[in-house]
Structures are given as structure tokens and as C-alpha cells.
Amino acid sequence: MKVMINGVAHEVAEDMTVGQAVRTLTASATGVAVAVNDEVVTRGAWETTALRDSDRVEVLTAVQGG
């Protein structure tokens, strides 16, 4: 199935979860927020929230600078 992750089309497995999608983009375990189809997915739900064909996933990471 195809999903959009941060605006880029990805072909992914039918059973991919939000958590798996996050790990394709970053190894960081902190400072990450995710929304699927404009709805925030809490970290506790990442591994149980399955993606569906044509979902739009936005993975945001906190950046610190100065």
C-alpha cells in the first residue's frame, strides 16, 4: 500500500504501524511527534495504530539550536 510520510510517497507493508513508520525516518526516541491525517497520535498508541492505504503521516522532530 502507499502512504505519504512527510510529503513523500512510500510503498509500505499492509501491516505497518505508526511506530514502524517513525523508525524509517529517525532513530531518536525522544522529541518526536506524529500526526496521521492531521490527527495527533500519542506515543503510547504508535505500536497499535495501523496505517491504511493513502494515509498522510507527518513525523516532526524537535531541533535545538542557539
PDB file of N, CA and C in Angstrom:
ATOM      1  N   MET A   1       0.846  -1.178   0.000  1.00  0.00           N
ATOM      2  CA  MET A   1       0.000   0.000   0.000  1.00  0.00           C
ATOM      3  C   MET A   1       0.888   1.237   0.000  1.00  0.00           C
ATOM      4  N   LYS A   2       0.327   2.362  -0.369  1.00  0.00           N
ATOM      5  CA  LYS A   2       1.082   3.610  -0.419  1.00  0.00           C
ATOM      6  C   LYS A   2       0.595   4.565   0.653  1.00  0.00           C
ATOM      7  N   VAL A   3       1.571   5.179   1.331  1.00  0.00           N
ATOM      8  CA  VAL A   3       1.276   6.239   2.302  1.00  0.00           C
ATOM      9  C   VAL A   3       2.225   7.397   2.023  1.00  0.00           C
ATOM     10  N   MET A   4       1.826   8.569   2.455  1.00  0.00           N
ATOM     11  CA  MET A   4       2.687   9.741   2.349  1.00  0.00           C
ATOM     12  C   MET A   4       3.313   9.974   3.715  1.00  0.00           C
ATOM     13  N   ILE A   5       4.640   9.989   3.779  1.00  0.00           N
ATOM     14  CA  ILE A   5       5.344  10.266   5.026  1.00  0.00           C
ATOM     15  C   ILE A   5       6.157  11.530   4.816  1.00  0.00           C
ATOM     16  N   ASN A   6       5.788  12.567   5.536  1.00  0.00           N
ATOM     17  CA  ASN A   6       6.425  13.884   5.398  1.00  0.00           C
ATOM     18  C   ASN A   6       6.446  14.338   3.941  1.00  0.00           C
ATOM     19  N   GLY A   7       5.324  14.113   3.260  1.00  0.00           N
ATOM     20  CA  GLY A   7       5.162  14.601   1.901  1.00  0.00           C
ATOM     21  C   GLY A   7       5.788  13.747   0.818  1.00  0.00           C
ATOM     22  N   VAL A   8       6.354  12.600   1.173  1.00  0.00           N
ATOM     23  CA  VAL A   8       6.993  11.722   0.201  1.00  0.00           C
ATOM     24  C   VAL A   8       6.244  10.393   0.174  1.00  0.00           C
ATOM     25  N   ALA A   9       5.894   9.932  -1.021  1.00  0.00           N
ATOM     26  CA  ALA A   9       5.179   8.665  -1.163  1.00  0.00           C
ATOM     27  C   ALA A   9       6.098   7.501  -0.814  1.00  0.00           C
ATOM     28  N   HIS A  10       5.563   6.564  -0.031  1.00  0.00           N
ATOM     29  CA  HIS A  10       6.289   5.357   0.355  1.00  0.00           C
ATOM     30  C   HIS A  10       5.400   4.154   0.105  1.00  0.00           C
ATOM     31  N   GLU A  11       5.975   3.104  -0.445  1.00  0.00           N
ATOM     32  CA  GLU A  11       5.290   1.825  -0.555  1.00  0.00           C
ATOM     33  C   GLU A  11       5.635   1.060   0.714  1.00  0.00           C
ATOM     34  N   VAL A  12       4.624   0.683   1.498  1.00  0.00           N
ATOM     35  CA  VAL A  12       4.860   0.038   2.790  1.00  0.00           C
ATOM     36  C   VAL A  12       4.034  -1.237   2.902  1.00  0.00           C
ATOM     37  N   ALA A  13       4.408  -2.068   3.863  1.00  0.00           N
ATOM     38  CA  ALA A  13       3.682  -3.309   4.119  1.00  0.00           C
ATOM     39  C   ALA A  13       2.273  -3.003   4.626  1.00  0.00           C
ATOM     40  N   GLU A  14       1.355  -3.905   4.350  1.00  0.00           N
ATOM     41  CA  GLU A  14      -0.043  -3.726   4.756  1.00  0.00           C
ATOM     42  C   GLU A  14      -0.214  -3.588   6.260  1.00  0.00           C
ATOM     43  N   ASP A  15       0.673  -4.171   7.040  1.00  0.00           N
ATOM     44  CA  ASP A  15       0.510  -4.172   8.491  1.00  0.00           C
ATOM     45  C   ASP A  15       1.415  -3.164   9.199  1.00  0.00           C
ATOM     46  N   MET A  16       1.927  -2.166   8.483  1.00  0.00           N
ATOM     47  CA  MET A  16       2.826  -1.188   9.090  1.00  0.00           C
ATOM     48  C   MET A  16       2.094  -0.346  10.132  1.00  0.00           C
ATOM     49  N   THR A  17       2.790  -0.124  11.250  1.00  0.00           N
ATOM     50  CA  THR A  17       2.238   0.727  12.315  1.00  0.00           C
ATOM     51  C   THR A  17       2.896   2.107  12.265  1.00  0.00           C
ATOM     52  N   VAL A  18       2.331   3.029  13.015  1.00  0.00           N
ATOM     53  CA  VAL A  18       2.911   4.354  13.127  1.00  0.00           C
ATOM     54  C   VAL A  18       4.339   4.251  13.666  1.00  0.00           C
ATOM     55  N   GLY A  19       4.548   3.409  14.668  1.00  0.00           N
ATOM     56  CA  GLY A  19       5.878   3.235  15.241  1.00  0.00           C
ATOM     57  C   GLY A  19       6.901   2.793  14.212  1.00  0.00           C
ATOM     58  N   GLN A  20       6.519   1.873  13.351  1.00  0.00           N
ATOM     59  CA  GLN A  20       7.432   1.419  12.302  1.00  0.00           C
ATOM     60  C   GLN A  20       7.728   2.549  11.316  1.00  0.00           C
ATOM     61  N   ALA A  21       6.727   3.337  10.995  1.00  0.00           N
ATOM     62  CA  ALA A  21       6.933   4.462  10.084  1.00  0.00           C
ATOM     63  C   ALA A  21       7.907   5.469  10.684  1.00  0.00           C
ATOM     64  N   VAL A  22       7.760   5.732  11.973  1.00  0.00           N
ATOM     65  CA  VAL A  22       8.668   6.674  12.646  1.00  0.00           C
ATOM     66  C   VAL A  22      10.103   6.161  12.545  1.00  0.00           C
ATOM     67  N   ARG A  23      10.293   4.881  12.786  1.00  0.00           N
ATOM     68  CA  ARG A  23      11.641   4.318  12.763  1.00  0.00           C
ATOM     69  C   ARG A  23      12.272   4.329  11.374  1.00  0.00           C
ATOM     70  N   THR A  24      11.474   4.476  10.310  1.00  0.00           N
ATOM     71  CA  THR A  24      12.064   4.592   8.971  1.00  0.00           C
ATOM     72  C   THR A  24      12.718   5.954   8.780  1.00  0.00           C
ATOM     73  N   LEU A  25      12.315   6.936   9.609  1.00  0.00           N
ATOM     74  CA  LEU A  25      12.823   8.297   9.456  1.00  0.00           C
ATOM     75  C   LEU A  25      13.853   8.697  10.497  1.00  0.00           C
ATOM     76  N   THR A  26      13.724   8.167  11.703  1.00  0.00           N
ATOM     77  CA  THR A  26      14.619   8.608  12.777  1.00  0.00           C
ATOM     78  C   THR A  26      14.810   7.503  13.801  1.00  0.00           C
ATOM     79  N   ALA A  27      15.998   7.448  14.341  1.00  0.00           N
ATOM     80  CA  ALA A  27      16.286   6.507  15.422  1.00  0.00           C
ATOM     81  C   ALA A  27      16.046   7.160  16.777  1.00  0.00           C
ATOM     82  N   SER A  28      15.740   8.432  16.765  1.00  0.00           N
ATOM     83  CA  SER A  28      15.537   9.176  18.011  1.00  0.00           C
ATOM     84  C   SER A  28      14.300   8.656  18.747  1.00  0.00           C
ATOM     85  N   ALA A  29      14.456   8.482  20.041  1.00  0.00           N
ATOM     86  CA  ALA A  29      13.343   8.017  20.859  1.00  0.00           C
ATOM     87  C   ALA A  29      12.655   9.162  21.590  1.00  0.00           C
ATOM     88  N   THR A  30      13.238  10.346  21.548  1.00  0.00           N
ATOM     89  CA  THR A  30      12.654  11.494  22.238  1.00  0.00           C
ATOM     90  C   THR A  30      12.512  12.664  21.276  1.00  0.00           C
ATOM     91  N   GLY A  31      11.648  13.581  21.629  1.00  0.00           N
ATOM     92  CA  GLY A  31      11.476  14.780  20.821  1.00  0.00           C
ATOM     93  C   GLY A  31      10.796  14.537  19.485  1.00  0.00           C
ATOM     94  N   VAL A  32       9.938  13.512  19.412  1.00  0.00           N
ATOM     95  CA  VAL A  32       9.268  13.166  18.157  1.00  0.00           C
ATOM     96  C   VAL A  32       7.763  13.246  18.367  1.00  0.00           C
ATOM     97  N   ALA A  33       7.065  13.848  17.422  1.00  0.00           N
ATOM     98  CA  ALA A  33       5.604  13.901  17.428  1.00  0.00           C
ATOM     99  C   ALA A  33       5.104  13.394  16.079  1.00  0.00           C
ATOM    100  N   VAL A  34       3.927  12.758  16.096  1.00  0.00           N
ATOM    101  CA  VAL A  34       3.384  12.171  14.872  1.00  0.00           C
ATOM    102  C   VAL A  34       1.914  12.534  14.724  1.00  0.00           C
ATOM    103  N   ALA A  35       1.535  12.841  13.488  1.00  0.00           N
ATOM    104  CA  ALA A  35       0.124  13.031  13.153  1.00  0.00           C
ATOM    105  C   ALA A  35      -0.191  12.168  11.931  1.00  0.00           C
ATOM    106  N   VAL A  36      -1.348  11.551  11.953  1.00  0.00           N
ATOM    107  CA  VAL A  36      -1.833  10.780  10.812  1.00  0.00           C
ATOM    108  C   VAL A  36      -3.125  11.436  10.361  1.00  0.00           C
ATOM    109  N   ASN A  37      -3.141  11.855   9.108  1.00  0.00           N
ATOM    110  CA  ASN A  37      -4.302  12.552   8.558  1.00  0.00           C
ATOM    111  C   ASN A  37      -4.735  13.710   9.455  1.00  0.00           C
ATOM    112  N   ASP A  38      -3.762  14.486   9.903  1.00  0.00           N
ATOM    113  CA  ASP A  38      -3.959  15.697  10.706  1.00  0.00           C
ATOM    114  C   ASP A  38      -4.436  15.438  12.129  1.00  0.00           C
ATOM    115  N   GLU A  39      -4.379  14.191  12.597  1.00  0.00           N
ATOM    116  CA  GLU A  39      -4.745  13.851  13.968  1.00  0.00           C
ATOM    117  C   GLU A  39      -3.498  13.367  14.700  1.00  0.00           C
ATOM    118  N   VAL A  40      -3.182  13.988  15.827  1.00  0.00           N
ATOM    119  CA  VAL A  40      -2.012  13.590  16.604  1.00  0.00           C
ATOM    120  C   VAL A  40      -2.206  12.166  17.135  1.00  0.00           C
ATOM    121  N   VAL A  41      -1.142  11.365  17.037  1.00  0.00           N
ATOM    122  CA  VAL A  41      -1.143  10.006  17.579  1.00  0.00           C
ATOM    123  C   VAL A  41      -0.210  10.018  18.789  1.00  0.00           C
ATOM    124  N   THR A  42      -0.738   9.690  19.958  1.00  0.00           N
ATOM    125  CA  THR A  42       0.083   9.699  21.160  1.00  0.00           C
ATOM    126  C   THR A  42       1.134   8.594  21.082  1.00  0.00           C
ATOM    127  N   ARG A  43       2.270   8.831  21.711  1.00  0.00           N
ATOM    128  CA  ARG A  43       3.378   7.868  21.683  1.00  0.00           C
ATOM    129  C   ARG A  43       2.918   6.479  22.140  1.00  0.00           C
ATOM    130  N   GLY A  44       2.063   6.422  23.129  1.00  0.00           N
ATOM    131  CA  GLY A  44       1.579   5.142  23.626  1.00  0.00           C
ATOM    132  C   GLY A  44       0.772   4.354  22.615  1.00  0.00           C
ATOM    133  N   ALA A  45       0.279   5.016  21.578  1.00  0.00           N
ATOM    134  CA  ALA A  45      -0.539   4.351  20.559  1.00  0.00           C
ATOM    135  C   ALA A  45       0.228   4.049  19.274  1.00  0.00           C
ATOM    136  N   TRP A  46       1.498   4.433  19.209  1.00  0.00           N
ATOM    137  CA  TRP A  46       2.258   4.239  17.968  1.00  0.00           C
ATOM    138  C   TRP A  46       2.294   2.786  17.511  1.00  0.00           C
ATOM    139  N   GLU A  47       2.525   1.863  18.432  1.00  0.00           N
ATOM    140  CA  GLU A  47       2.704   0.459  18.038  1.00  0.00           C
ATOM    141  C   GLU A  47       1.394  -0.249  17.744  1.00  0.00           C
ATOM    142  N   THR A  48       0.282   0.325  18.152  1.00  0.00           N
ATOM    143  CA  THR A  48      -1.011  -0.311  17.906  1.00  0.00           C
ATOM    144  C   THR A  48      -1.843   0.409  16.853  1.00  0.00           C
ATOM    145  N   THR A  49      -1.337   1.528  16.338  1.00  0.00           N
ATOM    146  CA  THR A  49      -2.062   2.278  15.314  1.00  0.00           C
ATOM    147  C   THR A  49      -1.564   1.851  13.946  1.00  0.00           C
ATOM    148  N   ALA A  50      -2.413   1.138  13.227  1.00  0.00           N
ATOM    149  CA  ALA A  50      -2.054   0.655  11.894  1.00  0.00           C
ATOM    150  C   ALA A  50      -2.297   1.747  10.857  1.00  0.00           C
ATOM    151  N   LEU A  51      -1.423   1.785   9.877  1.00  0.00           N
ATOM    152  CA  LEU A  51      -1.609   2.718   8.773  1.00  0.00           C
ATOM    153  C   LEU A  51      -2.510   2.086   7.723  1.00  0.00           C
ATOM    154  N   ARG A  52      -3.207   2.936   6.989  1.00  0.00           N
ATOM    155  CA  ARG A  52      -4.087   2.478   5.913  1.00  0.00           C
ATOM    156  C   ARG A  52      -3.627   3.105   4.605  1.00  0.00           C
ATOM    157  N   ASP A  53      -4.019   2.492   3.521  1.00  0.00           N
ATOM    158  CA  ASP A  53      -3.662   2.993   2.197  1.00  0.00           C
ATOM    159  C   ASP A  53      -4.054   4.462   2.076  1.00  0.00           C
ATOM    160  N   SER A  54      -3.151   5.258   1.552  1.00  0.00           N
ATOM    161  CA  SER A  54      -3.348   6.692   1.294  1.00  0.00           C
ATOM    162  C   SER A  54      -3.284   7.573   2.544  1.00  0.00           C
ATOM    163  N   ASP A  55      -2.912   7.018   3.706  1.00  0.00           N
ATOM    164  CA  ASP A  55      -2.750   7.852   4.898  1.00  0.00           C
ATOM    165  C   ASP A  55      -1.649   8.874   4.674  1.00  0.00           C
ATOM    166  N   ARG A  56      -1.786  10.024   5.340  1.00  0.00           N
ATOM    167  CA  ARG A  56      -0.773  11.073   5.345  1.00  0.00           C
ATOM    168  C   ARG A  56      -0.160  11.123   6.738  1.00  0.00           C
ATOM    169  N   VAL A  57       1.121  10.821   6.822  1.00  0.00           N
ATOM    170  CA  VAL A  57       1.823  10.762   8.102  1.00  0.00           C
ATOM    171  C   VAL A  57       2.821  11.914   8.158  1.00  0.00           C
ATOM    172  N   GLU A  58       2.784  12.661   9.239  1.00  0.00           N
ATOM    173  CA  GLU A  58       3.760  13.724   9.460  1.00  0.00           C
ATOM    174  C   GLU A  58       4.535  13.367  10.720  1.00  0.00           C
ATOM    175  N   VAL A  59       5.861  13.257  10.570  1.00  0.00           N
ATOM    176  CA  VAL A  59       6.743  12.969  11.687  1.00  0.00           C
ATOM    177  C   VAL A  59       7.586  14.205  11.928  1.00  0.00           C
ATOM    178  N   LEU A  60       7.441  14.770  13.110  1.00  0.00           N
ATOM    179  CA  LEU A  60       8.149  16.002  13.453  1.00  0.00           C
ATOM    180  C   LEU A  60       9.144  15.714  14.567  1.00  0.00           C
ATOM    181  N   THR A  61      10.359  16.216  14.401  1.00  0.00           N
ATOM    182  CA  THR A  61      11.363  16.054  15.440  1.00  0.00           C
ATOM    183  C   THR A  61      11.760  17.422  15.965  1.00  0.00           C
ATOM    184  N   ALA A  62      11.958  17.494  17.269  1.00  0.00           N
ATOM    185  CA  ALA A  62      12.382  18.740  17.900  1.00  0.00           C
ATOM    186  C   ALA A  62      13.852  18.985  17.571  1.00  0.00           C
ATOM    187  N   VAL A  63      14.155  20.236  17.271  1.00  0.00           N
ATOM    188  CA  VAL A  63      15.533  20.620  16.966  1.00  0.00           C
ATOM    189  C   VAL A  63      15.930  21.723  17.926  1.00  0.00           C
ATOM    190  N   GLN A  64      17.073  21.557  18.510  1.00  0.00           N
ATOM    191  CA  GLN A  64      17.544  22.564  19.466  1.00  0.00           C
ATOM    192  C   GLN A  64      18.713  23.312  18.832  1.00  0.00           C
ATOM    193  N   GLY A  65      18.732  24.578  19.009  1.00  0.00           N
ATOM    194  CA  GLY A  65      19.825  25.365  18.440  1.00  0.00           C
ATOM    195  C   GLY A  65      20.021  26.637  19.237  1.00  0.00           C
ATOM    196  N   GLY A  66      20.955  27.392  18.759  1.00  0.00           N
ATOM    197  CA  GLY A  66      21.171  28.618  19.508  1.00  0.00           C
ATOM    198  C   GLY A  66      22.073  29.575  18.805  1.00  0.00           C
TER     199      GLY A  66
END
